[in-house]
Protein backbone atom coordinates (compact mmCIF):
# COMPACT_ATOMS: atom_id res chain seq x y z
CA MET A 1 152.84 0.15 111.42
CA ALA A 2 153.29 -3.31 110.20
CA LYS A 3 155.78 -3.58 107.31
CA GLU A 4 154.74 -5.71 104.33
CA ILE A 5 156.77 -4.67 101.35
CA SER A 6 155.55 -6.22 98.12
CA ILE A 7 157.45 -5.11 94.96
CA ALA A 8 155.75 -5.54 91.69
CA ASP A 9 156.78 -4.06 88.33
CA PHE A 10 154.12 -2.34 86.27
CA ASP A 11 154.30 -0.19 83.11
CA VAL A 12 152.33 2.57 84.63
CA ILE A 13 150.92 3.45 88.12
CA VAL A 14 147.84 5.56 88.16
CA ILE A 15 146.93 7.34 91.38
CA GLY A 16 143.33 8.00 91.63
CA ALA A 17 140.23 5.99 90.58
CA GLY A 18 137.99 8.74 89.57
CA ILE A 19 136.69 9.07 86.01
CA ASN A 20 140.10 10.27 84.62
CA GLY A 21 142.16 7.43 86.40
CA ALA A 22 139.52 4.89 85.54
CA GLY A 23 139.36 5.90 81.90
CA ILE A 24 143.27 5.87 81.66
CA ALA A 25 143.47 2.49 83.33
CA ARG A 26 140.80 1.08 80.76
CA ASP A 27 142.64 2.42 77.71
CA ALA A 28 146.16 1.44 78.93
CA ALA A 29 145.04 -2.09 79.80
CA MET A 30 143.21 -2.60 76.67
CA ARG A 31 146.41 -1.53 74.77
CA GLY A 32 148.45 -4.26 76.62
CA LEU A 33 150.18 -2.16 79.38
CA LYS A 34 150.49 -3.63 82.87
CA VAL A 35 148.51 -1.19 85.03
CA LEU A 36 148.21 -0.61 88.72
CA VAL A 37 145.60 1.82 90.01
CA LEU A 38 145.70 3.06 93.69
CA ASP A 39 142.90 5.19 95.37
CA LYS A 40 142.87 6.27 98.95
CA GLY A 41 139.18 5.73 99.05
CA ASP A 42 136.62 3.86 96.90
CA ILE A 43 136.21 3.81 93.05
CA GLY A 44 134.51 7.01 91.95
CA GLY A 45 134.27 8.25 95.56
CA GLY A 46 135.61 11.66 94.95
CA THR A 47 134.72 14.45 92.63
CA SER A 48 133.28 12.22 90.05
CA SER A 49 130.38 11.63 92.51
CA TRP A 50 129.76 15.33 92.92
CA SER A 51 129.01 16.60 89.45
CA THR A 52 125.79 17.79 87.92
CA ARG A 53 125.75 14.31 86.15
CA LEU A 54 125.68 15.64 82.63
CA ILE A 55 127.32 14.53 79.55
CA HIS A 56 127.21 17.72 77.62
CA GLY A 57 128.81 19.64 74.73
CA GLY A 58 129.73 22.66 76.94
CA LEU A 59 127.18 25.25 75.58
CA ARG A 60 128.43 27.84 78.04
CA TYR A 61 132.03 27.32 76.87
CA LEU A 62 131.08 28.98 73.56
CA GLU A 63 130.95 32.47 75.26
CA HIS A 64 134.58 31.91 76.48
CA GLY A 65 135.63 31.06 72.91
CA GLU A 66 136.72 27.49 73.75
CA LEU A 67 135.44 26.07 70.45
CA GLY A 68 137.89 23.14 70.58
CA LEU A 69 136.60 22.08 73.93
CA VAL A 70 133.09 22.20 72.64
CA ARG A 71 133.79 20.18 69.53
CA GLU A 72 135.61 17.60 71.55
CA SER A 73 132.78 17.58 74.19
CA LEU A 74 130.16 16.94 71.47
CA ARG A 75 132.16 14.29 69.81
CA GLU A 76 132.58 12.35 73.12
CA ARG A 77 128.92 12.94 74.09
CA ASP A 78 127.95 10.86 71.04
CA CYS A 79 130.64 8.35 71.91
CA LEU A 80 129.28 7.65 75.39
CA LEU A 81 125.65 7.53 74.09
CA ASN A 82 127.00 4.60 71.95
CA ILE A 83 129.18 2.77 74.36
CA ALA A 84 127.26 3.14 77.51
CA PRO A 85 123.55 3.69 76.61
CA HIS A 86 122.38 2.02 79.79
CA LEU A 87 124.07 4.84 81.72
CA VAL A 88 124.07 7.83 79.32
CA ARG A 89 120.78 8.91 77.85
CA PRO A 90 119.57 11.88 75.83
CA LEU A 91 118.29 14.80 77.94
CA GLN A 92 116.00 17.60 76.63
CA ILE A 93 116.86 20.98 78.07
CA LEU A 94 114.78 24.14 77.96
CA LEU A 95 116.61 27.39 78.01
CA PRO A 96 114.24 30.25 78.83
CA ILE A 97 114.87 33.83 77.43
CA TYR A 98 114.08 36.89 79.56
CA LYS A 99 113.95 40.52 78.65
CA HIS A 100 116.65 41.80 80.98
CA ALA A 101 118.90 38.84 81.18
CA HIS A 102 122.69 39.20 80.44
CA ARG A 103 122.37 36.62 77.61
CA GLY A 104 119.56 37.99 75.40
CA GLY A 105 117.55 36.34 72.71
CA TRP A 106 120.02 36.92 69.82
CA THR A 107 122.93 35.74 71.91
CA ILE A 108 121.18 32.47 72.77
CA ARG A 109 119.92 32.01 69.21
CA ALA A 110 123.48 32.48 67.95
CA GLY A 111 124.83 30.06 70.53
CA MET A 112 122.30 27.52 69.53
CA ILE A 113 123.21 27.81 65.86
CA ALA A 114 127.03 27.47 66.71
CA TYR A 115 126.18 24.48 68.94
CA ASP A 116 124.40 22.78 66.01
CA VAL A 117 127.11 23.57 63.54
CA LEU A 118 129.81 22.06 65.87
CA SER A 119 127.58 19.01 66.43
CA PHE A 120 126.78 18.52 62.81
CA GLY A 121 126.24 14.80 62.00
CA LYS A 122 125.71 13.80 65.53
CA SER A 123 122.82 11.69 66.75
CA LEU A 124 120.75 14.20 68.86
CA PRO A 125 118.07 16.46 67.39
CA ARG A 126 118.86 20.16 66.54
CA HIS A 127 117.70 22.98 68.62
CA ARG A 128 114.26 24.64 68.32
CA MET A 129 113.18 28.20 69.24
CA LEU A 130 109.91 28.46 71.02
CA SER A 131 107.45 31.36 71.43
CA VAL A 132 106.21 32.39 74.80
CA SER A 133 103.03 30.42 74.54
CA GLU A 134 105.01 27.28 73.29
CA THR A 135 107.45 27.79 76.15
CA LEU A 136 104.68 27.86 78.78
CA ARG A 137 103.17 24.70 77.29
CA GLN A 138 106.62 23.05 77.91
CA ALA A 139 107.04 24.37 81.36
CA PRO A 140 103.82 25.87 82.69
CA GLY A 141 105.43 26.85 85.99
CA LEU A 142 108.05 29.23 84.61
CA ASN A 143 108.03 32.83 85.64
CA ARG A 144 106.06 34.69 82.93
CA GLU A 145 107.28 38.11 83.76
CA ASP A 146 109.42 39.42 80.86
CA LEU A 147 109.58 36.00 79.34
CA LEU A 148 110.42 36.25 75.56
CA GLY A 149 110.38 32.55 74.67
CA ALA A 150 112.89 29.77 74.88
CA ALA A 151 115.28 27.56 73.19
CA VAL A 152 115.04 23.75 73.32
CA TYR A 153 118.10 21.63 72.72
CA PHE A 154 119.45 18.32 73.64
CA ASP A 155 122.49 17.04 75.67
CA ALA A 156 122.80 13.85 77.79
CA GLN A 157 122.62 12.82 81.37
CA VAL A 158 124.53 10.14 83.23
CA GLU A 159 122.12 9.59 86.10
CA PHE A 160 124.60 7.53 88.02
CA ALA A 161 128.03 8.82 87.38
CA GLU A 162 129.44 6.41 89.99
CA ARG A 163 128.51 3.51 87.67
CA LEU A 164 130.21 5.06 84.77
CA VAL A 165 133.46 5.16 86.73
CA LEU A 166 132.92 1.70 88.00
CA GLU A 167 132.44 0.14 84.54
CA ASN A 168 135.58 1.69 83.33
CA VAL A 169 137.39 0.10 86.26
CA LEU A 170 135.79 -3.27 85.53
CA ALA A 171 136.74 -3.09 81.94
CA ALA A 172 140.40 -2.31 83.01
CA ILE A 173 140.41 -5.27 85.41
CA GLU A 174 139.04 -7.63 82.62
CA HIS A 175 142.08 -6.49 80.57
CA GLY A 176 144.66 -7.29 83.28
CA ALA A 177 144.75 -4.17 85.46
CA THR A 178 145.26 -4.31 89.20
CA VAL A 179 143.10 -2.03 91.21
CA ILE A 180 143.61 -1.36 94.97
CA THR A 181 141.28 0.81 96.85
CA TYR A 182 141.65 2.25 100.26
CA ALA A 183 145.37 2.51 99.41
CA HIS A 184 147.02 5.71 100.42
CA VAL A 185 150.04 6.92 98.61
CA GLU A 186 152.53 7.85 101.29
CA ARG A 187 155.38 8.98 98.96
CA LEU A 188 156.62 8.77 95.35
CA LEU A 189 159.85 6.96 95.10
CA ILE A 190 162.79 8.67 93.38
CA GLU A 191 165.80 7.10 91.85
CA ASN A 192 168.39 9.10 89.86
CA GLY A 193 166.09 12.10 89.88
CA LYS A 194 163.15 10.08 88.38
CA VAL A 195 159.97 8.78 89.93
CA CYS A 196 160.34 4.97 89.83
CA GLY A 197 157.31 3.91 91.87
CA VAL A 198 155.23 4.61 95.00
CA GLU A 199 155.12 3.54 98.62
CA TYR A 200 151.54 3.17 99.79
CA SER A 201 149.69 1.84 102.73
CA VAL A 202 146.48 -0.08 102.95
CA VAL A 203 144.45 0.07 106.02
CA GLN A 204 142.39 -2.83 107.31
CA SER A 205 139.82 -1.66 109.94
CA PRO A 206 139.48 -3.66 113.16
CA GLY A 207 136.62 -6.04 113.49
CA PHE A 208 136.74 -7.06 109.86
CA LYS A 209 137.33 -10.56 108.57
CA LYS A 210 140.18 -11.16 106.32
CA GLN A 211 139.34 -9.06 103.12
CA ASP A 212 141.47 -8.68 99.99
CA ARG A 213 141.13 -5.24 98.57
CA VAL A 214 143.35 -6.11 95.53
CA SER A 215 141.13 -6.45 92.43
CA ARG A 216 143.23 -8.42 90.05
CA GLY A 217 142.88 -8.83 86.23
CA GLN A 218 143.88 -11.76 84.16
CA GLU A 219 147.58 -11.19 84.64
CA GLY A 220 147.56 -11.38 88.45
CA GLY A 221 148.87 -8.59 90.54
CA LEU A 222 150.11 -7.84 94.01
CA PRO A 223 149.56 -10.62 96.65
CA PRO A 224 146.66 -10.21 98.91
CA GLN A 225 146.97 -8.03 101.98
CA ARG A 226 146.88 -9.51 105.50
CA GLY A 227 143.57 -9.00 107.34
CA CYS A 228 142.82 -9.27 110.96
CA PRO A 229 143.98 -12.35 112.97
CA ALA A 230 142.02 -15.55 112.39
CA GLY A 231 139.31 -16.37 114.89
CA ASP A 232 136.47 -14.17 116.20
CA PRO A 233 136.82 -10.88 114.32
CA GLY A 234 135.36 -9.17 117.36
CA LEU A 235 138.66 -9.91 119.08
CA ALA A 236 140.67 -7.87 116.57
CA PRO A 237 143.24 -5.31 117.82
CA ALA A 238 141.90 -2.00 118.93
CA LEU A 239 143.90 -0.09 116.27
CA PRO A 240 143.67 -0.63 112.45
CA LEU A 241 146.33 -2.80 110.84
CA ARG A 242 148.23 -0.78 108.37
CA ALA A 243 150.23 -2.79 105.61
CA GLN A 244 152.90 -0.72 103.77
CA ARG A 245 153.87 -1.75 100.33
CA VAL A 246 156.00 -0.65 97.32
CA ALA A 247 155.19 -0.81 93.66
CA THR A 248 157.42 0.09 90.78
CA ALA A 249 156.76 1.44 87.21
CA PRO A 250 158.66 3.78 84.82
CA ILE A 251 155.69 6.08 84.53
CA VAL A 252 153.45 7.40 87.16
CA ILE A 253 150.14 9.23 86.41
CA ASN A 254 148.74 11.52 89.09
CA ALA A 255 145.03 11.55 88.49
CA ALA A 256 144.07 12.36 92.03
CA GLY A 257 141.79 15.20 91.16
CA PRO A 258 141.60 18.08 93.72
CA TRP A 259 144.27 16.08 95.68
CA ILE A 260 146.92 16.37 92.92
CA ASP A 261 149.06 18.88 94.81
CA GLN A 262 149.07 16.76 97.96
CA VAL A 263 150.34 13.81 95.98
CA LEU A 264 153.08 15.96 94.31
CA MET A 265 154.24 17.16 97.82
CA THR A 266 155.30 13.65 98.59
CA SER A 267 157.92 13.56 95.68
CA GLY A 268 160.18 15.97 97.55
CA ALA A 269 160.44 18.08 94.28
CA ASP A 270 159.69 21.84 94.15
CA SER A 271 156.45 22.16 92.31
CA SER A 272 154.30 25.16 91.63
CA ARG A 273 150.65 24.85 92.57
CA LEU A 274 148.59 23.12 89.90
CA ILE A 275 145.11 23.02 91.39
CA GLY A 276 142.95 26.08 92.05
CA GLY A 277 139.60 24.08 92.47
CA THR A 278 136.28 25.67 92.88
CA LYS A 279 133.35 24.19 94.90
CA GLY A 280 130.14 23.16 93.31
CA SER A 281 127.04 22.37 95.35
CA HIS A 282 123.75 20.80 94.59
CA LEU A 283 120.26 20.53 96.30
CA VAL A 284 118.23 17.26 95.85
CA ILE A 285 114.41 18.15 96.21
CA ALA A 286 111.25 16.01 95.82
CA PRO A 287 108.97 16.93 92.97
CA PHE A 288 107.43 20.39 93.80
CA ALA A 289 104.60 22.68 92.52
CA GLY A 290 105.56 23.85 89.07
CA ALA A 291 108.41 21.33 88.65
CA PRO A 292 109.27 20.89 84.96
CA ASP A 293 109.08 17.83 83.06
CA SER A 294 112.32 18.50 81.20
CA ALA A 295 115.51 20.05 82.42
CA ILE A 296 115.87 23.89 82.72
CA TYR A 297 119.06 25.77 82.16
CA VAL A 298 118.59 29.41 83.20
CA GLU A 299 120.66 32.34 84.08
CA ALA A 300 120.77 33.31 87.80
CA GLU A 301 119.89 36.92 88.56
CA THR A 302 122.30 37.14 91.37
CA ASP A 303 125.65 36.49 89.39
CA ARG A 304 124.49 35.85 85.85
CA ARG A 305 125.79 32.39 86.00
CA PRO A 306 123.61 29.73 84.45
CA PHE A 307 122.36 26.86 86.77
CA PHE A 308 120.11 23.72 86.21
CA ILE A 309 116.92 22.44 87.53
CA ILE A 310 117.02 18.76 86.38
CA PRO A 311 114.64 15.82 86.85
CA TRP A 312 116.91 13.20 88.37
CA ASN A 313 116.32 9.82 89.97
CA GLY A 314 112.72 10.48 90.77
CA ASN A 315 113.53 13.83 92.31
CA TYR A 316 115.07 17.03 91.11
CA LEU A 317 118.75 18.16 91.12
CA ILE A 318 119.34 21.88 91.51
CA GLY A 319 122.82 23.40 91.02
CA THR A 320 125.48 24.18 90.71
CA THR A 321 127.43 26.85 92.58
CA ASP A 322 130.90 27.91 91.59
CA ILE A 323 133.02 29.42 94.38
CA ARG A 324 136.60 29.41 95.52
CA TYR A 325 137.46 26.68 98.10
CA HIS A 326 140.41 26.49 100.47
CA GLY A 327 139.08 24.03 103.04
CA ASP A 328 139.49 20.31 103.74
CA LEU A 329 138.99 18.43 100.62
CA ASP A 330 137.75 15.40 102.44
CA ARG A 331 134.93 17.19 104.24
CA VAL A 332 133.40 19.50 101.61
CA ARG A 333 129.93 20.70 102.63
CA ILE A 334 127.37 23.00 101.21
CA GLU A 335 127.26 26.46 103.00
CA ALA A 336 124.20 28.49 104.07
CA GLU A 337 124.80 31.09 101.40
CA GLU A 338 124.85 28.40 98.72
CA ILE A 339 121.57 26.98 99.96
CA GLU A 340 120.04 30.53 99.93
CA TYR A 341 121.32 31.22 96.53
CA LEU A 342 119.91 27.99 94.84
CA LEU A 343 116.62 28.34 96.64
CA ARG A 344 116.12 31.86 95.77
CA GLU A 345 117.11 31.45 92.16
CA THR A 346 114.74 28.49 91.78
CA ASN A 347 111.87 30.22 93.31
CA ARG A 348 112.44 33.26 91.02
CA VAL A 349 112.32 31.03 87.93
CA ILE A 350 109.47 28.86 89.22
CA PRO A 351 107.34 31.19 91.54
CA THR A 352 104.92 28.33 92.49
CA ALA A 353 107.77 26.31 93.99
CA GLN A 354 108.15 28.32 97.12
CA LEU A 355 111.01 26.24 98.23
CA ASN A 356 112.71 26.48 101.65
CA ARG A 357 115.24 24.42 103.56
CA ALA A 358 112.45 22.00 104.73
CA HIS A 359 111.99 20.89 101.15
CA ILE A 360 115.63 19.75 100.76
CA LEU A 361 116.10 16.02 100.98
CA TYR A 362 119.82 16.29 100.90
CA THR A 363 122.71 18.14 99.36
CA TYR A 364 126.20 17.28 97.91
CA SER A 365 129.25 19.32 97.34
CA GLY A 366 132.65 18.63 95.63
CA VAL A 367 135.63 20.54 94.39
CA ARG A 368 136.47 20.88 90.64
CA PRO A 369 140.16 19.96 89.87
CA LEU A 370 140.53 23.17 87.88
CA PRO A 371 143.99 24.74 87.03
CA PHE A 372 145.24 27.30 89.44
CA VAL A 373 145.04 30.96 88.38
CA ASN A 374 145.42 34.17 90.38
CA ASP A 375 142.63 36.75 90.82
CA LYS A 376 140.29 35.21 88.27
CA GLU A 377 136.53 34.88 88.71
CA ALA A 378 135.76 31.26 89.43
CA GLN A 379 133.21 30.78 86.60
CA SER A 380 135.76 32.11 84.05
CA ILE A 381 138.48 29.59 84.79
CA THR A 382 138.98 27.38 81.81
CA ARG A 383 137.46 23.95 81.78
CA LYS A 384 140.15 22.66 79.49
CA ARG A 385 142.28 19.74 80.84
CA PHE A 386 146.00 19.59 80.83
CA ILE A 387 148.56 16.67 81.20
CA ARG A 388 151.35 18.39 83.21
CA ALA A 389 154.76 16.90 83.17
CA SER A 390 156.60 17.50 86.44
CA PRO A 391 159.42 19.95 85.67
CA GLN A 392 161.86 17.81 87.82
CA ARG A 393 160.42 14.41 87.20
CA ASP A 394 159.84 13.93 83.60
CA ASN A 395 158.19 10.50 84.10
CA LEU A 396 155.52 11.97 86.38
CA PHE A 397 152.39 13.36 84.82
CA SER A 398 149.51 15.13 86.54
CA ILE A 399 146.07 15.35 85.15
CA VAL A 400 144.71 18.91 85.64
CA GLY A 401 140.97 19.56 84.95
CA GLY A 402 138.82 17.18 82.88
CA LYS A 403 135.26 16.31 83.23
CA LEU A 404 132.92 13.29 82.83
CA THR A 405 132.13 14.13 79.13
CA THR A 406 135.74 14.08 77.88
CA TYR A 407 137.31 11.55 80.15
CA ARG A 408 137.65 9.00 77.34
CA SER A 409 139.54 11.34 74.85
CA LEU A 410 141.77 12.46 77.73
CA ALA A 411 142.65 8.93 78.51
CA GLN A 412 143.54 8.24 74.87
CA GLU A 413 145.81 11.26 74.79
CA THR A 414 147.41 10.21 78.09
CA VAL A 415 148.01 6.54 77.00
CA ASP A 416 149.43 7.77 73.77
CA LEU A 417 151.91 9.74 75.69
CA ILE A 418 152.75 6.89 78.04
CA LEU A 419 153.54 4.54 75.08
CA LYS A 420 155.61 7.21 73.52
CA ARG A 421 157.63 7.65 76.72
CA LEU A 422 158.02 3.92 77.07
CA GLY A 423 159.27 3.53 73.46
CA LYS A 424 156.47 1.06 72.67
CA ASN A 425 154.53 0.62 69.52
CA LYS A 426 151.31 2.49 69.71
CA PRO A 427 148.32 0.04 69.36
CA THR A 428 145.14 1.57 68.09
CA CYS A 429 142.88 3.01 70.73
CA THR A 430 139.47 1.28 70.62
CA THR A 431 137.76 2.64 73.61
CA ASP A 432 135.50 4.69 71.41
CA GLN A 433 134.16 1.54 69.83
CA VAL A 434 134.23 -1.11 72.48
CA ALA A 435 131.17 -1.04 74.74
CA LEU A 436 131.37 -0.70 78.64
CA PRO A 437 130.54 -3.97 80.37
CA GLY A 438 126.87 -3.12 81.09
CA ALA A 439 126.34 -2.51 77.42
CA MET A 440 127.93 -5.65 76.10
CA VAL A 441 125.76 -8.41 74.61
CA GLN A 442 125.01 -11.28 77.11
CA HIS A 443 124.26 -14.61 75.55
CA GLU A 444 123.23 -16.45 78.76
CA ILE A 445 119.61 -16.67 79.26
CA VAL A 446 118.67 -17.05 83.10
CA GLU A 447 115.30 -18.48 83.99
CA LEU A 448 114.14 -16.81 87.23
CA PRO A 449 111.05 -16.08 89.27
CA LYS A 450 109.38 -12.88 87.91
CA LEU A 451 110.85 -9.77 89.46
CA SER A 452 108.71 -6.66 89.90
CA GLU A 453 108.57 -4.06 87.13
CA GLN A 454 110.17 -1.62 89.43
CA THR A 455 113.23 -3.84 89.98
CA ASN A 456 113.58 -4.74 86.39
CA HIS A 457 113.49 -1.04 85.51
CA ARG A 458 116.25 -0.11 87.92
CA PHE A 459 118.33 -3.17 86.79
CA ALA A 460 118.25 -1.84 83.20
CA ARG A 461 119.36 1.68 84.24
CA ILE A 462 122.08 0.59 86.82
CA TYR A 463 123.53 -2.71 85.49
CA GLY A 464 122.51 -2.83 81.88
CA THR A 465 123.32 -6.20 80.49
CA ARG A 466 125.14 -7.09 83.70
CA SER A 467 121.73 -7.61 85.21
CA SER A 468 121.77 -11.30 84.27
CA ALA A 469 124.76 -11.87 86.56
CA VAL A 470 122.87 -10.26 89.49
CA LYS A 471 119.71 -12.30 88.78
CA LYS A 472 121.61 -15.47 88.48
CA LEU A 473 122.44 -15.23 92.29
CA ILE A 474 118.66 -15.75 92.92
CA SER A 475 118.69 -19.07 91.18
CA ASP A 476 120.90 -20.39 93.92
CA ASP A 477 119.02 -18.64 96.73
CA PHE A 478 115.47 -17.35 96.07
CA SER A 479 115.65 -15.34 99.35
CA LEU A 480 118.12 -12.96 97.47
CA GLY A 481 115.15 -11.82 95.35
CA GLU A 482 113.58 -10.13 98.36
CA ILE A 483 113.29 -6.29 98.14
CA PHE A 484 115.38 -4.49 100.87
CA ASP A 485 114.50 -0.96 99.85
CA PRO A 486 110.89 -0.37 98.75
CA GLU A 487 111.56 3.03 97.37
CA THR A 488 114.01 1.86 94.68
CA GLY A 489 112.94 -1.76 94.43
CA ALA A 490 116.56 -2.93 95.26
CA ILE A 491 116.78 -6.62 96.08
CA ALA A 492 119.19 -8.53 98.39
CA ALA A 493 121.07 -10.08 95.53
CA GLU A 494 122.45 -6.55 94.64
CA VAL A 495 124.25 -6.33 98.00
CA VAL A 496 125.91 -9.68 97.49
CA PHE A 497 126.87 -8.72 93.95
CA ALA A 498 128.40 -5.41 94.98
CA PHE A 499 130.84 -7.21 97.38
CA LYS A 500 131.55 -10.38 95.40
CA SER A 501 131.62 -9.07 91.73
CA GLU A 502 132.10 -5.21 92.00
CA PHE A 503 134.78 -4.97 94.60
CA ALA A 504 132.82 -3.01 97.18
CA GLN A 505 134.70 -3.00 100.47
CA THR A 506 132.40 -1.07 102.84
CA LEU A 507 128.63 -0.67 103.15
CA SER A 508 129.09 3.00 101.88
CA ASP A 509 130.70 1.55 98.68
CA CYS A 510 127.74 -0.70 98.27
CA LEU A 511 124.97 1.83 98.91
CA LEU A 512 126.39 4.95 97.42
CA ARG A 513 128.53 3.71 94.50
CA ARG A 514 127.06 0.32 93.54
CA THR A 515 123.45 -0.25 94.15
CA MET A 516 122.79 3.51 94.23
CA VAL A 517 120.28 2.99 97.02
CA GLY A 518 122.16 5.67 99.02
CA LEU A 519 120.94 8.29 96.42
CA ASN A 520 117.19 7.63 97.30
CA SER A 521 115.16 10.31 99.04
CA THR A 522 116.57 9.52 102.49
CA CYS A 523 120.21 8.95 101.26
CA GLY A 524 119.73 5.16 102.06
CA LEU A 525 119.11 5.66 105.72
CA ASP A 526 115.94 3.71 105.45
CA ALA A 527 117.79 0.82 103.90
CA VAL A 528 121.15 0.74 105.60
CA GLU A 529 120.21 -1.74 108.38
CA ALA A 530 118.54 -4.13 105.95
CA ALA A 531 121.55 -4.01 103.74
CA ALA A 532 123.90 -4.75 106.63
CA GLY A 533 121.60 -7.52 107.62
CA ILE A 534 121.84 -9.14 104.15
CA ALA A 535 125.67 -8.86 104.42
CA GLN A 536 125.69 -10.53 107.78
CA LYS A 537 123.42 -13.42 106.46
CA HIS A 538 125.05 -13.92 103.12
CA LEU A 539 128.60 -12.63 103.51
CA GLY A 540 129.29 -13.81 107.01
CA TRP A 541 129.74 -10.34 108.76
CA SER A 542 129.86 -10.39 112.44
CA ALA A 543 127.52 -8.33 114.57
CA HIS A 544 130.53 -6.18 115.42
CA ARG A 545 131.14 -5.37 111.70
CA VAL A 546 127.41 -4.71 111.09
CA ALA A 547 127.54 -2.15 113.86
CA GLN A 548 130.70 -0.63 112.54
CA GLU A 549 129.64 -0.48 108.96
CA THR A 550 126.18 1.09 109.78
CA ALA A 551 127.84 3.66 111.95
CA ALA A 552 130.40 4.44 109.32
CA TYR A 553 127.72 4.82 106.72
CA ARG A 554 125.81 7.35 108.85
CA ASN A 555 128.88 9.32 109.36
CA GLU A 556 129.77 9.47 105.60
CA ILE A 557 126.45 10.82 104.72
CA SER A 558 126.09 13.22 107.55
CA ARG A 559 127.62 16.11 105.55
CA ARG A 560 124.78 15.69 102.96
CA ILE A 561 121.96 16.00 105.54
CA LEU A 562 121.08 19.57 106.70
CA ARG A 563 121.16 20.06 110.32
């Protein structure tokens, strides 16, 4: 291992660039703190990518009496609709009522009324109760047996949660934060019983040209890492180069999601288990017979747990499961019984669907970073989030729980705590008022050849107002306007933009978490070679790197494709 010790002082080090870490970094940087973010993978590459992609008030939390969480979620839902309207949009949801369901008509009606009361004054419409005939007009494919009617209400959907995480990171960088991806925290540094920083390593894969994985804000940051030796990158050493570094800060925030306990183990302090995560899995299926136009939220017959059937990205998202998980956090896959459960319950709710494994385009699974509890049903574990101080390291805080909907308020609470511990004045938090980068007004007008309606539509829902920066690349090279994925209408400029302006480091970063092409009906397999060819032509990739990157991409998505 090559030693490259770089010491830099920060106010706070955030471990994890998922939605919680990204939100904390944005808030802290906007309030003048010097922030370092480290993630062992890519931005938003963990649990944040594996959710049901909803920004919701937590209707189900009402039955567990978590009124405060529902109230907070409804408030934050409206906030995200305002600061990220290009990514977060209203979603109509149909909740069918069946005669023998665990949650009967009166229960659902009472829940709807409570939901409306708690969301009083918010921007989305109130609920409506439907008769049987009205319900079937809304969703003709629904199972009619014992159907009593339905409730219609509104929440919101974040179609590409990965972009929500990314834009929080982009905002943090704009305000001076330093973000380093593919940086593995080896250990927490202890001095006089307190955490004073971290030692981490950054791996540079063989065959790559020199590549700086440090994304620096206005205040600079750590020096760039060393890449492979100069010359033909195909002659790089057989093993990856590993640069080891140190960074210091008086506060460390452990926002590593399901990996929180693994990070704490490196501190050398005795610590009780914090995470007792449950696995959630989803199916992605092409439009099918009886598929609804709006989302359906319905109780499963098997375990009485509600699940969703949601129009998403031109297909349907069906999920989720909620089961205990004790396996490898880096290789979470859907199990056969989960597939059977989701298919069976969907076919029961929509009898004409007649879905089987052959209808599944792909799947995805992740682990929720829920608090550890003994002998409790997975679905009844609280969805509240906690900021846990280490009992032996009082300047080390771990973020337990949390969700996409409430990440911003969690970040505000965390940064308030950081400022208090640092003895600094508490500047006003403005993250609820300042738009994310893709929702900010762009004054520059770019004259370009006309792009297809399909491409313009995808630009609006992926990049928002940042679309102008992508389109500007075409003015210098018209070939960048060529479509490389006919299904989504993605163009070559997006690949270049992902690497040059959005800190993508690998083809997987580019396709799965920047351009979103990796979420098309084939998981991007029909576009991976074209994308790599664009990088070879416009970014100078060698043939060796092209081969490596395409192979690595296929390997990464292998757990999504059923065998």
